[in-house]
PDB file of all heavy atoms in Angstrom:
ATOM      1  N   LYS A   1    -191.993 135.611  17.382  1.00  0.00           N
ATOM      2  CA  LYS A   1    -191.524 134.278  17.073  1.00  0.00           C
ATOM      3  C   LYS A   1    -190.715 134.241  15.760  1.00  0.00           C
ATOM      4  O   LYS A   1    -189.815 133.424  15.622  1.00  0.00           O
ATOM      5  CB  LYS A   1    -192.623 133.245  17.091  1.00  0.00           C
ATOM      6  CG  LYS A   1    -193.559 133.291  15.899  1.00  0.00           C
ATOM      7  CD  LYS A   1    -194.603 132.179  16.003  1.00  0.00           C
ATOM      8  CE  LYS A   1    -195.349 132.094  14.712  1.00  0.00           C
ATOM      9  NZ  LYS A   1    -195.801 130.742  14.433  1.00  0.00           N
ATOM     10  N   GLY A   2    -191.019 135.090  14.851  1.00  0.00           N
ATOM     11  CA  GLY A   2    -190.283 135.137  13.572  1.00  0.00           C
ATOM     12  C   GLY A   2    -188.809 135.621  13.696  1.00  0.00           C
ATOM     13  O   GLY A   2    -188.012 135.419  12.835  1.00  0.00           O
ATOM     14  N   LEU A   3    -188.531 136.222  14.876  1.00  0.00           N
ATOM     15  CA  LEU A   3    -187.146 136.719  15.085  1.00  0.00           C
ATOM     16  C   LEU A   3    -186.196 135.608  15.573  1.00  0.00           C
ATOM     17  O   LEU A   3    -184.995 135.818  15.574  1.00  0.00           O
ATOM     18  CB  LEU A   3    -187.167 137.847  16.114  1.00  0.00           C
ATOM     19  CG  LEU A   3    -188.032 139.067  15.780  1.00  0.00           C
ATOM     20  CD1 LEU A   3    -188.103 140.031  16.944  1.00  0.00           C
ATOM     21  CD2 LEU A   3    -187.497 139.734  14.506  1.00  0.00           C
ATOM     22  N   ILE A   4    -186.774 134.497  16.008  1.00  0.00           N
ATOM     23  CA  ILE A   4    -185.908 133.417  16.531  1.00  0.00           C
ATOM     24  C   ILE A   4    -185.276 132.695  15.348  1.00  0.00           C
ATOM     25  O   ILE A   4    -185.959 132.285  14.394  1.00  0.00           O
ATOM     26  CB  ILE A   4    -186.756 132.460  17.401  1.00  0.00           C
ATOM     27  CG1 ILE A   4    -187.196 133.207  18.646  1.00  0.00           C
ATOM     28  CG2 ILE A   4    -185.997 131.207  17.716  1.00  0.00           C
ATOM     29  CD1 ILE A   4    -188.091 132.396  19.580  1.00  0.00           C
ATOM     30  N   LEU A   5    -183.937 132.502  15.454  1.00  0.00           N
ATOM     31  CA  LEU A   5    -183.221 131.746  14.453  1.00  0.00           C
ATOM     32  C   LEU A   5    -183.660 130.268  14.498  1.00  0.00           C
ATOM     33  O   LEU A   5    -183.827 129.708  15.555  1.00  0.00           O
ATOM     34  CB  LEU A   5    -181.715 131.848  14.669  1.00  0.00           C
ATOM     35  CG  LEU A   5    -181.123 133.198  14.444  1.00  0.00           C
ATOM     36  CD1 LEU A   5    -179.596 133.138  14.788  1.00  0.00           C
ATOM     37  CD2 LEU A   5    -181.265 133.652  13.044  1.00  0.00           C
ATOM     38  N   ASP A   6    -183.780 129.691  13.354  1.00  0.00           N
ATOM     39  CA  ASP A   6    -184.103 128.282  13.210  1.00  0.00           C
ATOM     40  C   ASP A   6    -182.820 127.470  13.292  1.00  0.00           C
ATOM     41  O   ASP A   6    -181.850 127.843  12.656  1.00  0.00           O
ATOM     42  CB  ASP A   6    -184.852 128.002  11.937  1.00  0.00           C
ATOM     43  CG  ASP A   6    -185.473 126.650  11.870  1.00  0.00           C
ATOM     44  OD1 ASP A   6    -184.752 125.659  11.832  1.00  0.00           O
ATOM     45  OD2 ASP A   6    -186.752 126.565  11.874  1.00  0.00           O
ATOM     46  N   GLY A   7    -182.801 126.417  14.052  1.00  0.00           N
ATOM     47  CA  GLY A   7    -181.617 125.580  14.183  1.00  0.00           C
ATOM     48  C   GLY A   7    -181.104 124.947  12.918  1.00  0.00           C
ATOM     49  O   GLY A   7    -179.943 124.509  12.852  1.00  0.00           O
ATOM     50  N   THR A   8    -181.904 124.956  11.874  1.00  0.00           N
ATOM     51  CA  THR A   8    -181.466 124.385  10.623  1.00  0.00           C
ATOM     52  C   THR A   8    -180.354 125.160   9.962  1.00  0.00           C
ATOM     53  O   THR A   8    -179.684 124.650   9.034  1.00  0.00           O
ATOM     54  CB  THR A   8    -182.649 124.179   9.608  1.00  0.00           C
ATOM     55  OG1 THR A   8    -183.245 125.453   9.396  1.00  0.00           O
ATOM     56  CG2 THR A   8    -183.658 123.212  10.128  1.00  0.00           C
ATOM     57  N   ILE A   9    -180.087 126.370  10.425  1.00  0.00           N
ATOM     58  CA  ILE A   9    -178.952 127.123   9.856  1.00  0.00           C
ATOM     59  C   ILE A   9    -177.633 126.459  10.329  1.00  0.00           C
ATOM     60  O   ILE A   9    -176.611 126.637   9.667  1.00  0.00           O
ATOM     61  CB  ILE A   9    -178.969 128.606  10.229  1.00  0.00           C
ATOM     62  CG1 ILE A   9    -178.852 128.857  11.731  1.00  0.00           C
ATOM     63  CG2 ILE A   9    -180.194 129.297   9.675  1.00  0.00           C
ATOM     64  CD1 ILE A   9    -178.652 130.291  12.130  1.00  0.00           C
ATOM     65  N   PHE A  10    -177.659 125.702  11.420  1.00  0.00           N
ATOM     66  CA  PHE A  10    -176.479 124.993  11.868  1.00  0.00           C
ATOM     67  C   PHE A  10    -176.446 123.535  11.457  1.00  0.00           C
ATOM     68  O   PHE A  10    -175.420 122.945  11.282  1.00  0.00           O
ATOM     69  CB  PHE A  10    -176.358 125.065  13.424  1.00  0.00           C
ATOM     70  CG  PHE A  10    -176.345 126.484  13.914  1.00  0.00           C
ATOM     71  CD1 PHE A  10    -177.463 127.019  14.569  1.00  0.00           C
ATOM     72  CD2 PHE A  10    -175.233 127.256  13.732  1.00  0.00           C
ATOM     73  CE1 PHE A  10    -177.440 128.316  15.017  1.00  0.00           C
ATOM     74  CE2 PHE A  10    -175.177 128.569  14.210  1.00  0.00           C
ATOM     75  CZ  PHE A  10    -176.327 129.066  14.831  1.00  0.00           C
ATOM     76  N   PHE A  11    -177.632 122.959  11.321  1.00  0.00           N
ATOM     77  CA  PHE A  11    -177.776 121.545  10.940  1.00  0.00           C
ATOM     78  C   PHE A  11    -178.671 121.473   9.717  1.00  0.00           C
ATOM     79  O   PHE A  11    -179.897 121.553   9.838  1.00  0.00           O
ATOM     80  CB  PHE A  11    -178.410 120.755  12.077  1.00  0.00           C
ATOM     81  CG  PHE A  11    -177.546 120.654  13.335  1.00  0.00           C
ATOM     82  CD1 PHE A  11    -177.742 121.527  14.348  1.00  0.00           C
ATOM     83  CD2 PHE A  11    -176.565 119.658  13.406  1.00  0.00           C
ATOM     84  CE1 PHE A  11    -176.925 121.423  15.496  1.00  0.00           C
ATOM     85  CE2 PHE A  11    -175.785 119.549  14.496  1.00  0.00           C
ATOM     86  CZ  PHE A  11    -175.968 120.456  15.589  1.00  0.00           C
ATOM     87  N   LYS A  12    -178.053 121.280   8.577  1.00  0.00           N
ATOM     88  CA  LYS A  12    -178.824 121.229   7.331  1.00  0.00           C
ATOM     89  C   LYS A  12    -179.824 120.063   7.305  1.00  0.00           C
ATOM     90  O   LYS A  12    -180.795 120.141   6.615  1.00  0.00           O
ATOM     91  CB  LYS A  12    -177.837 121.134   6.147  1.00  0.00           C
ATOM     92  CG  LYS A  12    -176.903 122.310   6.056  1.00  0.00           C
ATOM     93  CD  LYS A  12    -177.574 123.611   5.878  1.00  0.00           C
ATOM     94  CE  LYS A  12    -176.563 124.747   5.789  1.00  0.00           C
ATOM     95  NZ  LYS A  12    -177.057 125.981   6.330  1.00  0.00           N
ATOM     96  N   LYS A  13    -179.540 119.047   8.088  1.00  0.00           N
ATOM     97  CA  LYS A  13    -180.392 117.884   8.142  1.00  0.00           C
ATOM     98  C   LYS A  13    -181.716 118.153   8.868  1.00  0.00           C
ATOM     99  O   LYS A  13    -182.671 117.446   8.738  1.00  0.00           O
ATOM    100  CB  LYS A  13    -179.654 116.716   8.826  1.00  0.00           C
ATOM    101  CG  LYS A  13    -180.463 115.441   8.882  1.00  0.00           C
ATOM    102  CD  LYS A  13    -179.694 114.386   9.686  1.00  0.00           C
ATOM    103  CE  LYS A  13    -180.645 113.239   9.910  1.00  0.00           C
ATOM    104  NZ  LYS A  13    -180.218 112.360  10.971  1.00  0.00           N
ATOM    105  N   GLY A  14    -181.748 119.199   9.662  1.00  0.00           N
ATOM    106  CA  GLY A  14    -182.905 119.506  10.491  1.00  0.00           C
ATOM    107  C   GLY A  14    -184.158 119.913   9.679  1.00  0.00           C
ATOM    108  O   GLY A  14    -184.115 120.060   8.456  1.00  0.00           O
ATOM    109  N   TYR A  15    -185.228 120.080  10.410  1.00  0.00           N
ATOM    110  CA  TYR A  15    -186.534 120.405   9.819  1.00  0.00           C
ATOM    111  C   TYR A  15    -186.834 121.848  10.143  1.00  0.00           C
ATOM    112  O   TYR A  15    -187.001 122.195  11.314  1.00  0.00           O
ATOM    113  CB  TYR A  15    -187.576 119.430  10.405  1.00  0.00           C
ATOM    114  CG  TYR A  15    -188.963 119.654   9.879  1.00  0.00           C
ATOM    115  CD1 TYR A  15    -189.459 118.872   8.845  1.00  0.00           C
ATOM    116  CD2 TYR A  15    -189.821 120.611  10.485  1.00  0.00           C
ATOM    117  CE1 TYR A  15    -190.765 119.057   8.404  1.00  0.00           C
ATOM    118  CE2 TYR A  15    -191.121 120.756  10.022  1.00  0.00           C
ATOM    119  CZ  TYR A  15    -191.591 120.019   8.987  1.00  0.00           C
ATOM    120  OH  TYR A  15    -192.859 120.154   8.542  1.00  0.00           O
ATOM    121  N   SER A  16    -186.907 122.686   9.148  1.00  0.00           N
ATOM    122  CA  SER A  16    -187.204 124.080   9.414  1.00  0.00           C
ATOM    123  C   SER A  16    -188.608 124.256   9.886  1.00  0.00           C
ATOM    124  O   SER A  16    -189.550 123.739   9.292  1.00  0.00           O
ATOM    125  CB  SER A  16    -186.985 124.919   8.114  1.00  0.00           C
ATOM    126  OG  SER A  16    -187.377 126.244   8.357  1.00  0.00           O
ATOM    127  N   LYS A  17    -188.744 125.043  10.933  1.00  0.00           N
ATOM    128  CA  LYS A  17    -190.080 125.319  11.516  1.00  0.00           C
ATOM    129  C   LYS A  17    -190.480 126.773  11.297  1.00  0.00           C
ATOM    130  O   LYS A  17    -191.309 127.306  12.018  1.00  0.00           O
ATOM    131  CB  LYS A  17    -190.124 124.898  12.989  1.00  0.00           C
ATOM    132  CG  LYS A  17    -190.129 123.385  13.138  1.00  0.00           C
ATOM    133  CD  LYS A  17    -189.821 122.931  14.509  1.00  0.00           C
ATOM    134  CE  LYS A  17    -188.384 123.231  14.954  1.00  0.00           C
ATOM    135  NZ  LYS A  17    -187.305 122.716  14.166  1.00  0.00           N
ATOM    136  N   LYS A  18    -189.839 127.412  10.330  1.00  0.00           N
ATOM    137  CA  LYS A  18    -190.169 128.838  10.085  1.00  0.00           C
ATOM    138  C   LYS A  18    -191.555 128.963   9.463  1.00  0.00           C
ATOM    139  O   LYS A  18    -192.161 130.059   9.457  1.00  0.00           O
ATOM    140  CB  LYS A  18    -189.116 129.482   9.154  1.00  0.00           C
ATOM    141  CG  LYS A  18    -187.857 129.881   9.857  1.00  0.00           C
ATOM    142  CD  LYS A  18    -188.133 131.098  10.776  1.00  0.00           C
ATOM    143  CE  LYS A  18    -186.895 131.618  11.360  1.00  0.00           C
ATOM    144  NZ  LYS A  18    -187.142 132.652  12.303  1.00  0.00           N
ATOM    145  N   GLY A  19    -192.031 127.898   8.841  1.00  0.00           N
ATOM    146  CA  GLY A  19    -193.364 127.899   8.244  1.00  0.00           C
ATOM    147  C   GLY A  19    -193.797 126.496   7.944  1.00  0.00           C
ATOM    148  O   GLY A  19    -193.010 125.563   8.040  1.00  0.00           O
ATOM    149  N   LEU A  20    -195.094 126.347   7.613  1.00  0.00           N
ATOM    150  CA  LEU A  20    -195.615 125.021   7.340  1.00  0.00           C
ATOM    151  C   LEU A  20    -194.984 124.507   6.017  1.00  0.00           C
ATOM    152  O   LEU A  20    -194.717 125.283   5.108  1.00  0.00           O
ATOM    153  CB  LEU A  20    -197.146 125.102   7.167  1.00  0.00           C
ATOM    154  CG  LEU A  20    -197.900 125.307   8.465  1.00  0.00           C
ATOM    155  CD1 LEU A  20    -199.419 125.496   8.154  1.00  0.00           C
ATOM    156  CD2 LEU A  20    -197.723 124.189   9.446  1.00  0.00           C
ATOM    157  N   HIS A  21    -194.816 123.226   5.933  1.00  0.00           N
ATOM    158  CA  HIS A  21    -194.292 122.601   4.714  1.00  0.00           C
ATOM    159  C   HIS A  21    -195.456 122.036   3.862  1.00  0.00           C
ATOM    160  O   HIS A  21    -195.211 121.355   2.890  1.00  0.00           O
ATOM    161  CB  HIS A  21    -193.395 121.432   5.097  1.00  0.00           C
ATOM    162  CG  HIS A  21    -192.102 121.890   5.769  1.00  0.00           C
ATOM    163  ND1 HIS A  21    -190.861 121.549   5.310  1.00  0.00           N
ATOM    164  CD2 HIS A  21    -191.878 122.683   6.870  1.00  0.00           C
ATOM    165  CE1 HIS A  21    -189.928 122.109   6.105  1.00  0.00           C
ATOM    166  NE2 HIS A  21    -190.546 122.777   7.037  1.00  0.00           N
ATOM    167  N   GLY A  22    -196.635 122.409   4.234  1.00  0.00           N
ATOM    168  CA  GLY A  22    -197.833 121.966   3.514  1.00  0.00           C
ATOM    169  C   GLY A  22    -198.989 122.000   4.450  1.00  0.00           C
ATOM    170  O   GLY A  22    -198.831 122.187   5.653  1.00  0.00           O
ATOM    171  N   THR A  23    -200.186 121.772   3.932  1.00  0.00           N
ATOM    172  CA  THR A  23    -201.369 121.830   4.818  1.00  0.00           C
ATOM    173  C   THR A  23    -202.096 120.501   4.882  1.00  0.00           C
ATOM    174  O   THR A  23    -203.179 120.431   5.442  1.00  0.00           O
ATOM    175  CB  THR A  23    -202.347 122.947   4.332  1.00  0.00           C
ATOM    176  OG1 THR A  23    -202.656 122.677   2.931  1.00  0.00           O
ATOM    177  CG2 THR A  23    -201.728 124.294   4.475  1.00  0.00           C
ATOM    178  N   LYS A  24    -201.524 119.458   4.268  1.00  0.00           N
ATOM    179  CA  LYS A  24    -202.126 118.141   4.352  1.00  0.00           C
ATOM    180  C   LYS A  24    -201.933 117.634   5.792  1.00  0.00           C
ATOM    181  O   LYS A  24    -201.042 118.052   6.502  1.00  0.00           O
ATOM    182  CB  LYS A  24    -201.490 117.218   3.317  1.00  0.00           C
ATOM    183  CG  LYS A  24    -201.821 117.593   1.956  1.00  0.00           C
ATOM    184  CD  LYS A  24    -201.257 116.615   0.942  1.00  0.00           C
ATOM    185  CE  LYS A  24    -201.672 117.065  -0.433  1.00  0.00           C
ATOM    186  NZ  LYS A  24    -200.756 116.730  -1.456  1.00  0.00           N
ATOM    187  N   SER A  25    -202.754 116.680   6.173  1.00  0.00           N
ATOM    188  CA  SER A  25    -202.730 116.129   7.524  1.00  0.00           C
ATOM    189  C   SER A  25    -201.315 115.618   7.879  1.00  0.00           C
ATOM    190  O   SER A  25    -200.824 115.901   8.945  1.00  0.00           O
ATOM    191  CB  SER A  25    -203.734 114.944   7.612  1.00  0.00           C
ATOM    192  OG  SER A  25    -203.715 114.418   8.914  1.00  0.00           O
ATOM    193  N   ARG A  26    -200.667 114.910   6.964  1.00  0.00           N
ATOM    194  CA  ARG A  26    -199.299 114.384   7.243  1.00  0.00           C
ATOM    195  C   ARG A  26    -198.325 115.496   7.471  1.00  0.00           C
ATOM    196  O   ARG A  26    -197.493 115.425   8.371  1.00  0.00           O
ATOM    197  CB  ARG A  26    -198.851 113.521   6.076  1.00  0.00           C
ATOM    198  CG  ARG A  26    -197.366 113.168   6.136  1.00  0.00           C
ATOM    199  CD  ARG A  26    -197.135 111.678   6.198  1.00  0.00           C
ATOM    200  NE  ARG A  26    -195.718 111.346   6.173  1.00  0.00           N
ATOM    201  CZ  ARG A  26    -194.982 111.143   7.241  1.00  0.00           C
ATOM    202  NH1 ARG A  26    -195.515 111.268   8.450  1.00  0.00           N
ATOM    203  NH2 ARG A  26    -193.731 110.836   7.140  1.00  0.00           N
ATOM    204  N   ASP A  27    -198.426 116.577   6.712  1.00  0.00           N
ATOM    205  CA  ASP A  27    -197.537 117.737   6.844  1.00  0.00           C
ATOM    206  C   ASP A  27    -197.659 118.310   8.259  1.00  0.00           C
ATOM    207  O   ASP A  27    -196.696 118.668   8.909  1.00  0.00           O
ATOM    208  CB  ASP A  27    -197.839 118.833   5.829  1.00  0.00           C
ATOM    209  CG  ASP A  27    -197.658 118.354   4.405  1.00  0.00           C
ATOM    210  OD1 ASP A  27    -196.714 117.558   4.135  1.00  0.00           O
ATOM    211  OD2 ASP A  27    -198.430 118.774   3.538  1.00  0.00           O
ATOM    212  N   LEU A  28    -198.912 118.448   8.753  1.00  0.00           N
ATOM    213  CA  LEU A  28    -199.189 119.012  10.029  1.00  0.00           C
ATOM    214  C   LEU A  28    -198.691 118.114  11.155  1.00  0.00           C
ATOM    215  O   LEU A  28    -198.183 118.537  12.192  1.00  0.00           O
ATOM    216  CB  LEU A  28    -200.700 119.312  10.188  1.00  0.00           C
ATOM    217  CG  LEU A  28    -201.279 120.312   9.197  1.00  0.00           C
ATOM    218  CD1 LEU A  28    -202.766 120.460   9.376  1.00  0.00           C
ATOM    219  CD2 LEU A  28    -200.588 121.707   9.330  1.00  0.00           C
ATOM    220  N   ILE A  29    -198.884 116.808  10.962  1.00  0.00           N
ATOM    221  CA  ILE A  29    -198.427 115.851  11.971  1.00  0.00           C
ATOM    222  C   ILE A  29    -196.921 115.872  12.117  1.00  0.00           C
ATOM    223  O   ILE A  29    -196.339 115.871  13.219  1.00  0.00           O
ATOM    224  CB  ILE A  29    -198.958 114.435  11.624  1.00  0.00           C
ATOM    225  CG1 ILE A  29    -200.456 114.374  11.841  1.00  0.00           C
ATOM    226  CG2 ILE A  29    -198.233 113.358  12.437  1.00  0.00           C
ATOM    227  CD1 ILE A  29    -201.121 113.146  11.269  1.00  0.00           C
ATOM    228  N   VAL A  30    -196.212 115.956  10.973  1.00  0.00           N
ATOM    229  CA  VAL A  30    -194.740 116.002  11.015  1.00  0.00           C
ATOM    230  C   VAL A  30    -194.297 117.295  11.629  1.00  0.00           C
ATOM    231  O   VAL A  30    -193.367 117.336  12.470  1.00  0.00           O
ATOM    232  CB  VAL A  30    -194.138 115.798   9.581  1.00  0.00           C
ATOM    233  CG1 VAL A  30    -192.653 116.138   9.566  1.00  0.00           C
ATOM    234  CG2 VAL A  30    -194.407 114.388   9.094  1.00  0.00           C
ATOM    235  N   PHE A  31    -194.914 118.415  11.280  1.00  0.00           N
ATOM    236  CA  PHE A  31    -194.558 119.695  11.864  1.00  0.00           C
ATOM    237  C   PHE A  31    -194.727 119.659  13.377  1.00  0.00           C
ATOM    238  O   PHE A  31    -193.838 120.075  14.140  1.00  0.00           O
ATOM    239  CB  PHE A  31    -195.410 120.796  11.257  1.00  0.00           C
ATOM    240  CG  PHE A  31    -194.975 122.191  11.622  1.00  0.00           C
ATOM    241  CD1 PHE A  31    -194.153 122.914  10.773  1.00  0.00           C
ATOM    242  CD2 PHE A  31    -195.320 122.784  12.826  1.00  0.00           C
ATOM    243  CE1 PHE A  31    -193.713 124.232  11.089  1.00  0.00           C
ATOM    244  CE2 PHE A  31    -194.884 124.070  13.214  1.00  0.00           C
ATOM    245  CZ  PHE A  31    -194.112 124.754  12.312  1.00  0.00           C
ATOM    246  N   ALA A  32    -195.827 119.139  13.860  1.00  0.00           N
ATOM    247  CA  ALA A  32    -196.087 119.031  15.314  1.00  0.00           C
ATOM    248  C   ALA A  32    -195.042 118.176  15.960  1.00  0.00           C
ATOM    249  O   ALA A  32    -194.561 118.453  17.032  1.00  0.00           O
ATOM    250  CB  ALA A  32    -197.512 118.487  15.571  1.00  0.00           C
ATOM    251  N   ALA A  33    -194.681 117.028  15.315  1.00  0.00           N
ATOM    252  CA  ALA A  33    -193.648 116.162  15.866  1.00  0.00           C
ATOM    253  C   ALA A  33    -192.301 116.878  15.967  1.00  0.00           C
ATOM    254  O   ALA A  33    -191.585 116.728  16.944  1.00  0.00           O
ATOM    255  CB  ALA A  33    -193.518 114.898  15.009  1.00  0.00           C
ATOM    256  N   GLU A  34    -191.999 117.667  14.963  1.00  0.00           N
ATOM    257  CA  GLU A  34    -190.728 118.435  14.978  1.00  0.00           C
ATOM    258  C   GLU A  34    -190.730 119.522  16.023  1.00  0.00           C
ATOM    259  O   GLU A  34    -189.663 119.858  16.563  1.00  0.00           O
ATOM    260  CB  GLU A  34    -190.423 118.975  13.592  1.00  0.00           C
ATOM    261  CG  GLU A  34    -190.054 117.900  12.561  1.00  0.00           C
ATOM    262  CD  GLU A  34    -188.783 117.159  12.856  1.00  0.00           C
ATOM    263  OE1 GLU A  34    -187.949 117.597  13.684  1.00  0.00           O
ATOM    264  OE2 GLU A  34    -188.571 116.099  12.221  1.00  0.00           O
ATOM    265  N   THR A  35    -191.900 120.050  16.400  1.00  0.00           N
ATOM    266  CA  THR A  35    -191.924 121.012  17.528  1.00  0.00           C
ATOM    267  C   THR A  35    -191.591 120.286  18.823  1.00  0.00           C
ATOM    268  O   THR A  35    -191.009 120.856  19.723  1.00  0.00           O
ATOM    269  CB  THR A  35    -193.262 121.729  17.661  1.00  0.00           C
ATOM    270  OG1 THR A  35    -194.307 120.804  18.029  1.00  0.00           O
ATOM    271  CG2 THR A  35    -193.660 122.475  16.369  1.00  0.00           C
TER     272      THR A  35
END
């Protein structure tokens, strides 16, 4: 999965899913929504 390019390289506005943006509940909820 780490070999897949993240779409944010084309759209700077996007949300990178290469890694978590934090471990708080809100961070996880946003990450899941972005998936």
